[in-house]
Amino acid sequence: GEELAIVTDIPGTTRDAIRQIIDVGGVPAHIIDTAGLRESEDL
């Protein structure tokens, strides 16, 4: 319900995990947004 992660059309924008606790039907959920899975030469 808020802008926690940067959203762009550029592949690989998310470099590190972003963690947030949200309420899913009364149950706390620890959501982790991760880097896109692909082959990359970028360290």
ModelCIF file with pLDDT and N, C-alpha, C, O atoms, coordinates in Angstrom:
data_MODEL
#
_entry.id   MODEL 
#
_entity.id                         1 
_entity.type                       polymer 
_entity.pdbx_number_of_molecules   1 
#
_entity_poly.entity_id                      1 
_entity_poly.type                           'polypeptide(L)' 
_entity_poly.nstd_linkage                   no 
_entity_poly.nstd_monomer                   no 
_entity_poly.pdbx_seq_one_letter_code       GEELAIVTDIPGTTRDAIRQIIDVGGVPAHIIDTAGLRESEDL 
_entity_poly.pdbx_seq_one_letter_code_can   GEELAIVTDIPGTTRDAIRQIIDVGGVPAHIIDTAGLRESEDL 
_entity_poly.pdbx_strand_id                 A 
#
loop_
_entity_poly_seq.entity_id 
_entity_poly_seq.num 
_entity_poly_seq.mon_id 
_entity_poly_seq.hetero 
1 1  GLY n 
1 2  GLU n 
1 3  GLU n 
1 4  LEU n 
1 5  ALA n 
1 6  ILE n 
1 7  VAL n 
1 8  THR n 
1 9  ASP n 
1 10 ILE n 
1 11 PRO n 
1 12 GLY n 
1 13 THR n 
1 14 THR n 
1 15 ARG n 
1 16 ASP n 
1 17 ALA n 
1 18 ILE n 
1 19 ARG n 
1 20 GLN n 
1 21 ILE n 
1 22 ILE n 
1 23 ASP n 
1 24 VAL n 
1 25 GLY n 
1 26 GLY n 
1 27 VAL n 
1 28 PRO n 
1 29 ALA n 
1 30 HIS n 
1 31 ILE n 
1 32 ILE n 
1 33 ASP n 
1 34 THR n 
1 35 ALA n 
1 36 GLY n 
1 37 LEU n 
1 38 ARG n 
1 39 GLU n 
1 40 SER n 
1 41 GLU n 
1 42 ASP n 
1 43 LEU n 
#
_struct_asym.id          A 
_struct_asym.entity_id   1 
#
loop_
_ma_qa_metric.id 
_ma_qa_metric.mode 
_ma_qa_metric.name 
_ma_qa_metric.software_group_id 
_ma_qa_metric.type 
1 global pLDDT . pLDDT 
2 local  pLDDT . pLDDT 
#
_ma_qa_metric_global.metric_id      1 
_ma_qa_metric_global.metric_value   63.58 
_ma_qa_metric_global.model_id       1 
_ma_qa_metric_global.ordinal_id     1 
#
loop_
_ma_qa_metric_local.label_asym_id 
_ma_qa_metric_local.label_comp_id 
_ma_qa_metric_local.label_seq_id 
_ma_qa_metric_local.metric_id 
_ma_qa_metric_local.metric_value 
_ma_qa_metric_local.model_id 
_ma_qa_metric_local.ordinal_id 
A GLY 1  2 75.00 1 1  
A GLU 2  2 62.00 1 2  
A GLU 3  2 60.00 1 3  
A LEU 4  2 55.00 1 4  
A ALA 5  2 45.00 1 5  
A ILE 6  2 43.00 1 6  
A VAL 7  2 44.00 1 7  
A THR 8  2 42.00 1 8  
A ASP 9  2 47.00 1 9  
A ILE 10 2 42.00 1 10 
A PRO 11 2 44.00 1 11 
A GLY 12 2 44.00 1 12 
A THR 13 2 43.00 1 13 
A THR 14 2 44.00 1 14 
A ARG 15 2 42.00 1 15 
A ASP 16 2 48.00 1 16 
A ALA 17 2 58.00 1 17 
A ILE 18 2 75.00 1 18 
A ARG 19 2 80.00 1 19 
A GLN 20 2 83.00 1 20 
A ILE 21 2 86.00 1 21 
A ILE 22 2 85.00 1 22 
A ASP 23 2 85.00 1 23 
A VAL 24 2 86.00 1 24 
A GLY 25 2 83.00 1 25 
A GLY 26 2 82.00 1 26 
A VAL 27 2 87.00 1 27 
A PRO 28 2 87.00 1 28 
A ALA 29 2 87.00 1 29 
A HIS 30 2 87.00 1 30 
A ILE 31 2 87.00 1 31 
A ILE 32 2 84.00 1 32 
A ASP 33 2 80.00 1 33 
A THR 34 2 71.00 1 34 
A ALA 35 2 61.00 1 35 
A GLY 36 2 56.00 1 36 
A LEU 37 2 54.00 1 37 
A ARG 38 2 49.00 1 38 
A GLU 39 2 52.00 1 39 
A SER 40 2 51.00 1 40 
A GLU 41 2 50.00 1 41 
A ASP 42 2 54.00 1 42 
A LEU 43 2 54.00 1 43 
#
loop_
_atom_site.group_PDB 
_atom_site.id 
_atom_site.type_symbol 
_atom_site.label_atom_id 
_atom_site.label_alt_id 
_atom_site.label_comp_id 
_atom_site.label_asym_id 
_atom_site.label_entity_id 
_atom_site.label_seq_id 
_atom_site.pdbx_PDB_ins_code 
_atom_site.Cartn_x 
_atom_site.Cartn_y 
_atom_site.Cartn_z 
_atom_site.occupancy 
_atom_site.B_iso_or_equiv 
_atom_site.pdbx_formal_charge 
_atom_site.auth_seq_id 
_atom_site.auth_comp_id 
_atom_site.auth_asym_id 
_atom_site.auth_atom_id 
_atom_site.pdbx_PDB_model_num 
ATOM 1   N N  . GLY A 1 1  ? 0.799  -1.226  0.000   1.00 75.00 ? 1  GLY A N  1 
ATOM 2   C CA . GLY A 1 1  ? 0.000  0.000   0.000   1.00 75.00 ? 1  GLY A CA 1 
ATOM 3   C C  . GLY A 1 1  ? 0.822  1.262   0.000   1.00 75.00 ? 1  GLY A C  1 
ATOM 4   O O  . GLY A 1 1  ? 0.295  2.336   0.287   1.00 75.00 ? 1  GLY A O  1 
ATOM 5   N N  . GLU A 1 2  ? 2.114  1.164   -0.318  1.00 62.00 ? 2  GLU A N  1 
ATOM 6   C CA . GLU A 1 2  ? 2.967  2.351   -0.390  1.00 62.00 ? 2  GLU A CA 1 
ATOM 7   C C  . GLU A 1 2  ? 4.142  2.065   -1.313  1.00 62.00 ? 2  GLU A C  1 
ATOM 8   O O  . GLU A 1 2  ? 4.438  0.911   -1.622  1.00 62.00 ? 2  GLU A O  1 
ATOM 9   N N  . GLU A 1 3  ? 4.816  3.144   -1.756  1.00 60.00 ? 3  GLU A N  1 
ATOM 10  C CA . GLU A 1 3  ? 5.920  3.019   -2.694  1.00 60.00 ? 3  GLU A CA 1 
ATOM 11  C C  . GLU A 1 3  ? 7.201  2.694   -1.932  1.00 60.00 ? 3  GLU A C  1 
ATOM 12  O O  . GLU A 1 3  ? 7.924  3.595   -1.507  1.00 60.00 ? 3  GLU A O  1 
ATOM 13  N N  . LEU A 1 4  ? 7.475  1.415   -1.765  1.00 55.00 ? 4  LEU A N  1 
ATOM 14  C CA . LEU A 1 4  ? 8.669  0.991   -1.041  1.00 55.00 ? 4  LEU A CA 1 
ATOM 15  C C  . LEU A 1 4  ? 9.836  0.732   -1.975  1.00 55.00 ? 4  LEU A C  1 
ATOM 16  O O  . LEU A 1 4  ? 10.987 0.996   -1.627  1.00 55.00 ? 4  LEU A O  1 
ATOM 17  N N  . ALA A 1 5  ? 9.544  0.213   -3.164  1.00 45.00 ? 5  ALA A N  1 
ATOM 18  C CA . ALA A 1 5  ? 10.598 -0.167  -4.103  1.00 45.00 ? 5  ALA A CA 1 
ATOM 19  C C  . ALA A 1 5  ? 10.532 0.727   -5.337  1.00 45.00 ? 5  ALA A C  1 
ATOM 20  O O  . ALA A 1 5  ? 9.453  1.140   -5.762  1.00 45.00 ? 5  ALA A O  1 
ATOM 21  N N  . ILE A 1 6  ? 11.693 1.018   -5.901  1.00 43.00 ? 6  ILE A N  1 
ATOM 22  C CA . ILE A 1 6  ? 11.770 1.813   -7.123  1.00 43.00 ? 6  ILE A CA 1 
ATOM 23  C C  . ILE A 1 6  ? 11.336 0.943   -8.305  1.00 43.00 ? 6  ILE A C  1 
ATOM 24  O O  . ILE A 1 6  ? 11.796 -0.188  -8.463  1.00 43.00 ? 6  ILE A O  1 
ATOM 25  N N  . VAL A 1 7  ? 10.452 1.487   -9.123  1.00 44.00 ? 7  VAL A N  1 
ATOM 26  C CA . VAL A 1 7  ? 9.941  0.755   -10.279 1.00 44.00 ? 7  VAL A CA 1 
ATOM 27  C C  . VAL A 1 7  ? 10.340 1.498   -11.547 1.00 44.00 ? 7  VAL A C  1 
ATOM 28  O O  . VAL A 1 7  ? 9.984  2.662   -11.730 1.00 44.00 ? 7  VAL A O  1 
ATOM 29  N N  . THR A 1 8  ? 11.095 0.807   -12.439 1.00 42.00 ? 8  THR A N  1 
ATOM 30  C CA . THR A 1 8  ? 11.460 1.378   -13.733 1.00 42.00 ? 8  THR A CA 1 
ATOM 31  C C  . THR A 1 8  ? 11.369 0.288   -14.785 1.00 42.00 ? 8  THR A C  1 
ATOM 32  O O  . THR A 1 8  ? 11.163 -0.883  -14.467 1.00 42.00 ? 8  THR A O  1 
ATOM 33  N N  . ASP A 1 9  ? 11.526 0.686   -16.047 1.00 47.00 ? 9  ASP A N  1 
ATOM 34  C CA . ASP A 1 9  ? 11.553 -0.282  -17.142 1.00 47.00 ? 9  ASP A CA 1 
ATOM 35  C C  . ASP A 1 9  ? 12.953 -0.835  -17.378 1.00 47.00 ? 9  ASP A C  1 
ATOM 36  O O  . ASP A 1 9  ? 13.152 -1.659  -18.270 1.00 47.00 ? 9  ASP A O  1 
ATOM 37  N N  . ILE A 1 10 ? 13.932 -0.382  -16.578 1.00 42.00 ? 10 ILE A N  1 
ATOM 38  C CA . ILE A 1 10 ? 15.320 -0.804  -16.787 1.00 42.00 ? 10 ILE A CA 1 
ATOM 39  C C  . ILE A 1 10 ? 15.560 -2.130  -16.072 1.00 42.00 ? 10 ILE A C  1 
ATOM 40  O O  . ILE A 1 10 ? 15.400 -2.190  -14.853 1.00 42.00 ? 10 ILE A O  1 
ATOM 41  N N  . PRO A 1 11 ? 15.936 -3.192  -16.777 1.00 44.00 ? 11 PRO A N  1 
ATOM 42  C CA . PRO A 1 11 ? 16.198 -4.469  -16.113 1.00 44.00 ? 11 PRO A CA 1 
ATOM 43  C C  . PRO A 1 11 ? 17.314 -4.326  -15.085 1.00 44.00 ? 11 PRO A C  1 
ATOM 44  O O  . PRO A 1 11 ? 18.296 -3.620  -15.314 1.00 44.00 ? 11 PRO A O  1 
ATOM 45  N N  . GLY A 1 12 ? 17.153 -5.003  -13.950 1.00 44.00 ? 12 GLY A N  1 
ATOM 46  C CA . GLY A 1 12 ? 18.187 -4.984  -12.921 1.00 44.00 ? 12 GLY A CA 1 
ATOM 47  C C  . GLY A 1 12 ? 18.099 -3.795  -11.988 1.00 44.00 ? 12 GLY A C  1 
ATOM 48  O O  . GLY A 1 12 ? 19.055 -3.502  -11.270 1.00 44.00 ? 12 GLY A O  1 
ATOM 49  N N  . THR A 1 13 ? 16.944 -3.087  -11.983 1.00 43.00 ? 13 THR A N  1 
ATOM 50  C CA . THR A 1 13 ? 16.809 -1.933  -11.089 1.00 43.00 ? 13 THR A CA 1 
ATOM 51  C C  . THR A 1 13 ? 16.957 -2.348  -9.627  1.00 43.00 ? 13 THR A C  1 
ATOM 52  O O  . THR A 1 13 ? 17.656 -1.686  -8.860  1.00 43.00 ? 13 THR A O  1 
ATOM 53  N N  . THR A 1 14 ? 16.297 -3.446  -9.238  1.00 44.00 ? 14 THR A N  1 
ATOM 54  C CA . THR A 1 14 ? 16.394 -3.936  -7.859  1.00 44.00 ? 14 THR A CA 1 
ATOM 55  C C  . THR A 1 14 ? 17.683 -4.733  -7.721  1.00 44.00 ? 14 THR A C  1 
ATOM 56  O O  . THR A 1 14 ? 17.837 -5.796  -8.322  1.00 44.00 ? 14 THR A O  1 
ATOM 57  N N  . ARG A 1 15 ? 18.611 -4.202  -6.917  1.00 42.00 ? 15 ARG A N  1 
ATOM 58  C CA . ARG A 1 15 ? 19.901 -4.859  -6.729  1.00 42.00 ? 15 ARG A CA 1 
ATOM 59  C C  . ARG A 1 15 ? 19.969 -5.627  -5.407  1.00 42.00 ? 15 ARG A C  1 
ATOM 60  O O  . ARG A 1 15 ? 20.685 -6.624  -5.313  1.00 42.00 ? 15 ARG A O  1 
ATOM 61  N N  . ASP A 1 16 ? 19.245 -5.184  -4.404  1.00 48.00 ? 16 ASP A N  1 
ATOM 62  C CA . ASP A 1 16 ? 19.304 -5.813  -3.088  1.00 48.00 ? 16 ASP A CA 1 
ATOM 63  C C  . ASP A 1 16 ? 17.888 -6.122  -2.622  1.00 48.00 ? 16 ASP A C  1 
ATOM 64  O O  . ASP A 1 16 ? 16.914 -5.558  -3.121  1.00 48.00 ? 16 ASP A O  1 
ATOM 65  N N  . ALA A 1 17 ? 17.795 -7.033  -1.651  1.00 58.00 ? 17 ALA A N  1 
ATOM 66  C CA . ALA A 1 17 ? 16.479 -7.428  -1.147  1.00 58.00 ? 17 ALA A CA 1 
ATOM 67  C C  . ALA A 1 17 ? 15.834 -6.287  -0.375  1.00 58.00 ? 17 ALA A C  1 
ATOM 68  O O  . ALA A 1 17 ? 16.486 -5.615  0.424   1.00 58.00 ? 17 ALA A O  1 
ATOM 69  N N  . ILE A 1 18 ? 14.541 -6.077  -0.625  1.00 75.00 ? 18 ILE A N  1 
ATOM 70  C CA . ILE A 1 18 ? 13.752 -5.076  0.103   1.00 75.00 ? 18 ILE A CA 1 
ATOM 71  C C  . ILE A 1 18 ? 12.720 -5.835  0.921   1.00 75.00 ? 18 ILE A C  1 
ATOM 72  O O  . ILE A 1 18 ? 11.955 -6.631  0.378   1.00 75.00 ? 18 ILE A O  1 
ATOM 73  N N  . ARG A 1 19 ? 12.698 -5.590  2.227   1.00 80.00 ? 19 ARG A N  1 
ATOM 74  C CA . ARG A 1 19 ? 11.850 -6.365  3.138   1.00 80.00 ? 19 ARG A CA 1 
ATOM 75  C C  . ARG A 1 19 ? 10.767 -5.475  3.727   1.00 80.00 ? 19 ARG A C  1 
ATOM 76  O O  . ARG A 1 19 ? 11.002 -4.309  4.044   1.00 80.00 ? 19 ARG A O  1 
ATOM 77  N N  . GLN A 1 20 ? 9.594  -6.038  3.866   1.00 83.00 ? 20 GLN A N  1 
ATOM 78  C CA . GLN A 1 20 ? 8.485  -5.300  4.448   1.00 83.00 ? 20 GLN A CA 1 
ATOM 79  C C  . GLN A 1 20 ? 7.508  -6.282  5.090   1.00 83.00 ? 20 GLN A C  1 
ATOM 80  O O  . GLN A 1 20 ? 7.243  -7.351  4.541   1.00 83.00 ? 20 GLN A O  1 
ATOM 81  N N  . ILE A 1 21 ? 6.971  -5.911  6.259   1.00 86.00 ? 21 ILE A N  1 
ATOM 82  C CA . ILE A 1 21 ? 5.937  -6.715  6.906   1.00 86.00 ? 21 ILE A CA 1 
ATOM 83  C C  . ILE A 1 21 ? 4.584  -6.135  6.552   1.00 86.00 ? 21 ILE A C  1 
ATOM 84  O O  . ILE A 1 21 ? 4.351  -4.943  6.756   1.00 86.00 ? 21 ILE A O  1 
ATOM 85  N N  . ILE A 1 22 ? 3.695  -6.947  6.031   1.00 85.00 ? 22 ILE A N  1 
ATOM 86  C CA . ILE A 1 22 ? 2.354  -6.497  5.686   1.00 85.00 ? 22 ILE A CA 1 
ATOM 87  C C  . ILE A 1 22 ? 1.331  -7.445  6.312   1.00 85.00 ? 22 ILE A C  1 
ATOM 88  O O  . ILE A 1 22 ? 1.667  -8.543  6.755   1.00 85.00 ? 22 ILE A O  1 
ATOM 89  N N  . ASP A 1 23 ? 0.105  -7.004  6.337   1.00 85.00 ? 23 ASP A N  1 
ATOM 90  C CA . ASP A 1 23 ? -1.000 -7.769  6.901   1.00 85.00 ? 23 ASP A CA 1 
ATOM 91  C C  . ASP A 1 23 ? -1.725 -8.487  5.768   1.00 85.00 ? 23 ASP A C  1 
ATOM 92  O O  . ASP A 1 23 ? -2.296 -7.854  4.879   1.00 85.00 ? 23 ASP A O  1 
ATOM 93  N N  . VAL A 1 24 ? -1.694 -9.831  5.814   1.00 86.00 ? 24 VAL A N  1 
ATOM 94  C CA . VAL A 1 24 ? -2.413 -10.630 4.813   1.00 86.00 ? 24 VAL A CA 1 
ATOM 95  C C  . VAL A 1 24 ? -3.528 -11.373 5.523   1.00 86.00 ? 24 VAL A C  1 
ATOM 96  O O  . VAL A 1 24 ? -3.305 -12.447 6.083   1.00 86.00 ? 24 VAL A O  1 
ATOM 97  N N  . GLY A 1 25 ? -4.720 -10.810 5.502   1.00 83.00 ? 25 GLY A N  1 
ATOM 98  C CA . GLY A 1 25 ? -5.858 -11.457 6.148   1.00 83.00 ? 25 GLY A CA 1 
ATOM 99  C C  . GLY A 1 25 ? -5.674 -11.667 7.633   1.00 83.00 ? 25 GLY A C  1 
ATOM 100 O O  . GLY A 1 25 ? -6.185 -12.641 8.187   1.00 83.00 ? 25 GLY A O  1 
ATOM 101 N N  . GLY A 1 26 ? -4.944 -10.760 8.299   1.00 82.00 ? 26 GLY A N  1 
ATOM 102 C CA . GLY A 1 26 ? -4.700 -10.881 9.730   1.00 82.00 ? 26 GLY A CA 1 
ATOM 103 C C  . GLY A 1 26 ? -3.411 -11.577 10.074  1.00 82.00 ? 26 GLY A C  1 
ATOM 104 O O  . GLY A 1 26 ? -2.981 -11.544 11.227  1.00 82.00 ? 26 GLY A O  1 
ATOM 105 N N  . VAL A 1 27 ? -2.773 -12.215 9.088   1.00 87.00 ? 27 VAL A N  1 
ATOM 106 C CA . VAL A 1 27 ? -1.514 -12.920 9.305   1.00 87.00 ? 27 VAL A CA 1 
ATOM 107 C C  . VAL A 1 27 ? -0.362 -12.023 8.861   1.00 87.00 ? 27 VAL A C  1 
ATOM 108 O O  . VAL A 1 27 ? -0.386 -11.517 7.739   1.00 87.00 ? 27 VAL A O  1 
ATOM 109 N N  . PRO A 1 28 ? 0.652  -11.810 9.713   1.00 87.00 ? 28 PRO A N  1 
ATOM 110 C CA . PRO A 1 28 ? 1.789  -11.002 9.280   1.00 87.00 ? 28 PRO A CA 1 
ATOM 111 C C  . PRO A 1 28 ? 2.598  -11.743 8.212   1.00 87.00 ? 28 PRO A C  1 
ATOM 112 O O  . PRO A 1 28 ? 2.906  -12.925 8.362   1.00 87.00 ? 28 PRO A O  1 
ATOM 113 N N  . ALA A 1 29 ? 2.930  -11.046 7.156   1.00 87.00 ? 29 ALA A N  1 
ATOM 114 C CA . ALA A 1 29 ? 3.712  -11.635 6.070   1.00 87.00 ? 29 ALA A CA 1 
ATOM 115 C C  . ALA A 1 29 ? 4.975  -10.802 5.869   1.00 87.00 ? 29 ALA A C  1 
ATOM 116 O O  . ALA A 1 29 ? 4.910  -9.586  5.687   1.00 87.00 ? 29 ALA A O  1 
ATOM 117 N N  . HIS A 1 30 ? 6.119  -11.472 5.905   1.00 87.00 ? 30 HIS A N  1 
ATOM 118 C CA . HIS A 1 30 ? 7.407  -10.820 5.665   1.00 87.00 ? 30 HIS A CA 1 
ATOM 119 C C  . HIS A 1 30 ? 7.704  -10.961 4.178   1.00 87.00 ? 30 HIS A C  1 
ATOM 120 O O  . HIS A 1 30 ? 8.166  -12.007 3.721   1.00 87.00 ? 30 HIS A O  1 
ATOM 121 N N  . ILE A 1 31 ? 7.433  -9.895  3.430   1.00 87.00 ? 31 ILE A N  1 
ATOM 122 C CA . ILE A 1 31 ? 7.603  -9.929  1.979   1.00 87.00 ? 31 ILE A CA 1 
ATOM 123 C C  . ILE A 1 31 ? 9.014  -9.456  1.629   1.00 87.00 ? 31 ILE A C  1 
ATOM 124 O O  . ILE A 1 31 ? 9.480  -8.432  2.129   1.00 87.00 ? 31 ILE A O  1 
ATOM 125 N N  . ILE A 1 32 ? 9.682  -10.214 0.768   1.00 84.00 ? 32 ILE A N  1 
ATOM 126 C CA . ILE A 1 32 ? 11.032 -9.852  0.338   1.00 84.00 ? 32 ILE A CA 1 
ATOM 127 C C  . ILE A 1 32 ? 11.030 -9.712  -1.180  1.00 84.00 ? 32 ILE A C  1 
ATOM 128 O O  . ILE A 1 32 ? 10.807 -10.681 -1.906  1.00 84.00 ? 32 ILE A O  1 
ATOM 129 N N  . ASP A 1 33 ? 11.285 -8.485  -1.648  1.00 80.00 ? 33 ASP A N  1 
ATOM 130 C CA . ASP A 1 33 ? 11.430 -8.228  -3.078  1.00 80.00 ? 33 ASP A CA 1 
ATOM 131 C C  . ASP A 1 33 ? 12.900 -8.403  -3.421  1.00 80.00 ? 33 ASP A C  1 
ATOM 132 O O  . ASP A 1 33 ? 13.765 -7.816  -2.772  1.00 80.00 ? 33 ASP A O  1 
ATOM 133 N N  . THR A 1 34 ? 13.187 -9.205  -4.434  1.00 71.00 ? 34 THR A N  1 
ATOM 134 C CA . THR A 1 34 ? 14.570 -9.574  -4.716  1.00 71.00 ? 34 THR A CA 1 
ATOM 135 C C  . THR A 1 34 ? 14.992 -9.141  -6.116  1.00 71.00 ? 34 THR A C  1 
ATOM 136 O O  . THR A 1 34 ? 14.179 -8.740  -6.949  1.00 71.00 ? 34 THR A O  1 
ATOM 137 N N  . ALA A 1 35 ? 16.290 -9.239  -6.331  1.00 61.00 ? 35 ALA A N  1 
ATOM 138 C CA . ALA A 1 35 ? 16.832 -8.933  -7.654  1.00 61.00 ? 35 ALA A CA 1 
ATOM 139 C C  . ALA A 1 35 ? 16.307 -9.930  -8.681  1.00 61.00 ? 35 ALA A C  1 
ATOM 140 O O  . ALA A 1 35 ? 16.106 -11.105 -8.374  1.00 61.00 ? 35 ALA A O  1 
ATOM 141 N N  . GLY A 1 36 ? 16.089 -9.448  -9.903  1.00 56.00 ? 36 GLY A N  1 
ATOM 142 C CA . GLY A 1 36 ? 15.636 -10.331 -10.973 1.00 56.00 ? 36 GLY A CA 1 
ATOM 143 C C  . GLY A 1 36 ? 16.660 -11.417 -11.252 1.00 56.00 ? 36 GLY A C  1 
ATOM 144 O O  . GLY A 1 36 ? 17.863 -11.159 -11.290 1.00 56.00 ? 36 GLY A O  1 
ATOM 145 N N  . LEU A 1 37 ? 16.163 -12.648 -11.448 1.00 54.00 ? 37 LEU A N  1 
ATOM 146 C CA . LEU A 1 37 ? 17.058 -13.785 -11.669 1.00 54.00 ? 37 LEU A CA 1 
ATOM 147 C C  . LEU A 1 37 ? 17.385 -13.898 -13.157 1.00 54.00 ? 37 LEU A C  1 
ATOM 148 O O  . LEU A 1 37 ? 16.521 -14.175 -13.988 1.00 54.00 ? 37 LEU A O  1 
ATOM 149 N N  . ARG A 1 38 ? 18.652 -13.676 -13.459 1.00 49.00 ? 38 ARG A N  1 
ATOM 150 C CA . ARG A 1 38 ? 19.112 -13.798 -14.849 1.00 49.00 ? 38 ARG A CA 1 
ATOM 151 C C  . ARG A 1 38 ? 20.633 -13.897 -14.826 1.00 49.00 ? 38 ARG A C  1 
ATOM 152 O O  . ARG A 1 38 ? 21.260 -13.682 -13.789 1.00 49.00 ? 38 ARG A O  1 
ATOM 153 N N  . GLU A 1 39 ? 21.220 -14.222 -15.967 1.00 52.00 ? 39 GLU A N  1 
ATOM 154 C CA . GLU A 1 39 ? 22.671 -14.202 -16.105 1.00 52.00 ? 39 GLU A CA 1 
ATOM 155 C C  . GLU A 1 39 ? 23.107 -12.747 -16.227 1.00 52.00 ? 39 GLU A C  1 
ATOM 156 O O  . GLU A 1 39 ? 22.530 -11.982 -17.000 1.00 52.00 ? 39 GLU A O  1 
ATOM 157 N N  . SER A 1 40 ? 24.131 -12.368 -15.459 1.00 51.00 ? 40 SER A N  1 
ATOM 158 C CA . SER A 1 40 ? 24.577 -10.977 -15.484 1.00 51.00 ? 40 SER A CA 1 
ATOM 159 C C  . SER A 1 40 ? 26.079 -10.913 -15.264 1.00 51.00 ? 40 SER A C  1 
ATOM 160 O O  . SER A 1 40 ? 26.644 -11.724 -14.530 1.00 51.00 ? 40 SER A O  1 
ATOM 161 N N  . GLU A 1 41 ? 26.724 -9.937  -15.910 1.00 50.00 ? 41 GLU A N  1 
ATOM 162 C CA . GLU A 1 41 ? 28.147 -9.690  -15.703 1.00 50.00 ? 41 GLU A CA 1 
ATOM 163 C C  . GLU A 1 41 ? 28.377 -8.558  -14.716 1.00 50.00 ? 41 GLU A C  1 
ATOM 164 O O  . GLU A 1 41 ? 29.510 -8.307  -14.305 1.00 50.00 ? 41 GLU A O  1 
ATOM 165 N N  . ASP A 1 42 ? 27.305 -7.875  -14.335 1.00 54.00 ? 42 ASP A N  1 
ATOM 166 C CA . ASP A 1 42 ? 27.409 -6.770  -13.377 1.00 54.00 ? 42 ASP A CA 1 
ATOM 167 C C  . ASP A 1 42 ? 27.673 -7.345  -11.985 1.00 54.00 ? 42 ASP A C  1 
ATOM 168 O O  . ASP A 1 42 ? 26.874 -8.134  -11.482 1.00 54.00 ? 42 ASP A O  1 
ATOM 169 N N  . LEU A 1 43 ? 28.786 -6.958  -11.360 1.00 54.00 ? 43 LEU A N  1 
ATOM 170 C CA . LEU A 1 43 ? 29.172 -7.525  -10.074 1.00 54.00 ? 43 LEU A CA 1 
ATOM 171 C C  . LEU A 1 43 ? 28.124 -7.258  -9.000  1.00 54.00 ? 43 LEU A C  1 
ATOM 172 O O  . LEU A 1 43 ? 28.296 -7.670  -7.853  1.00 54.00 ? 43 LEU A O  1 
#
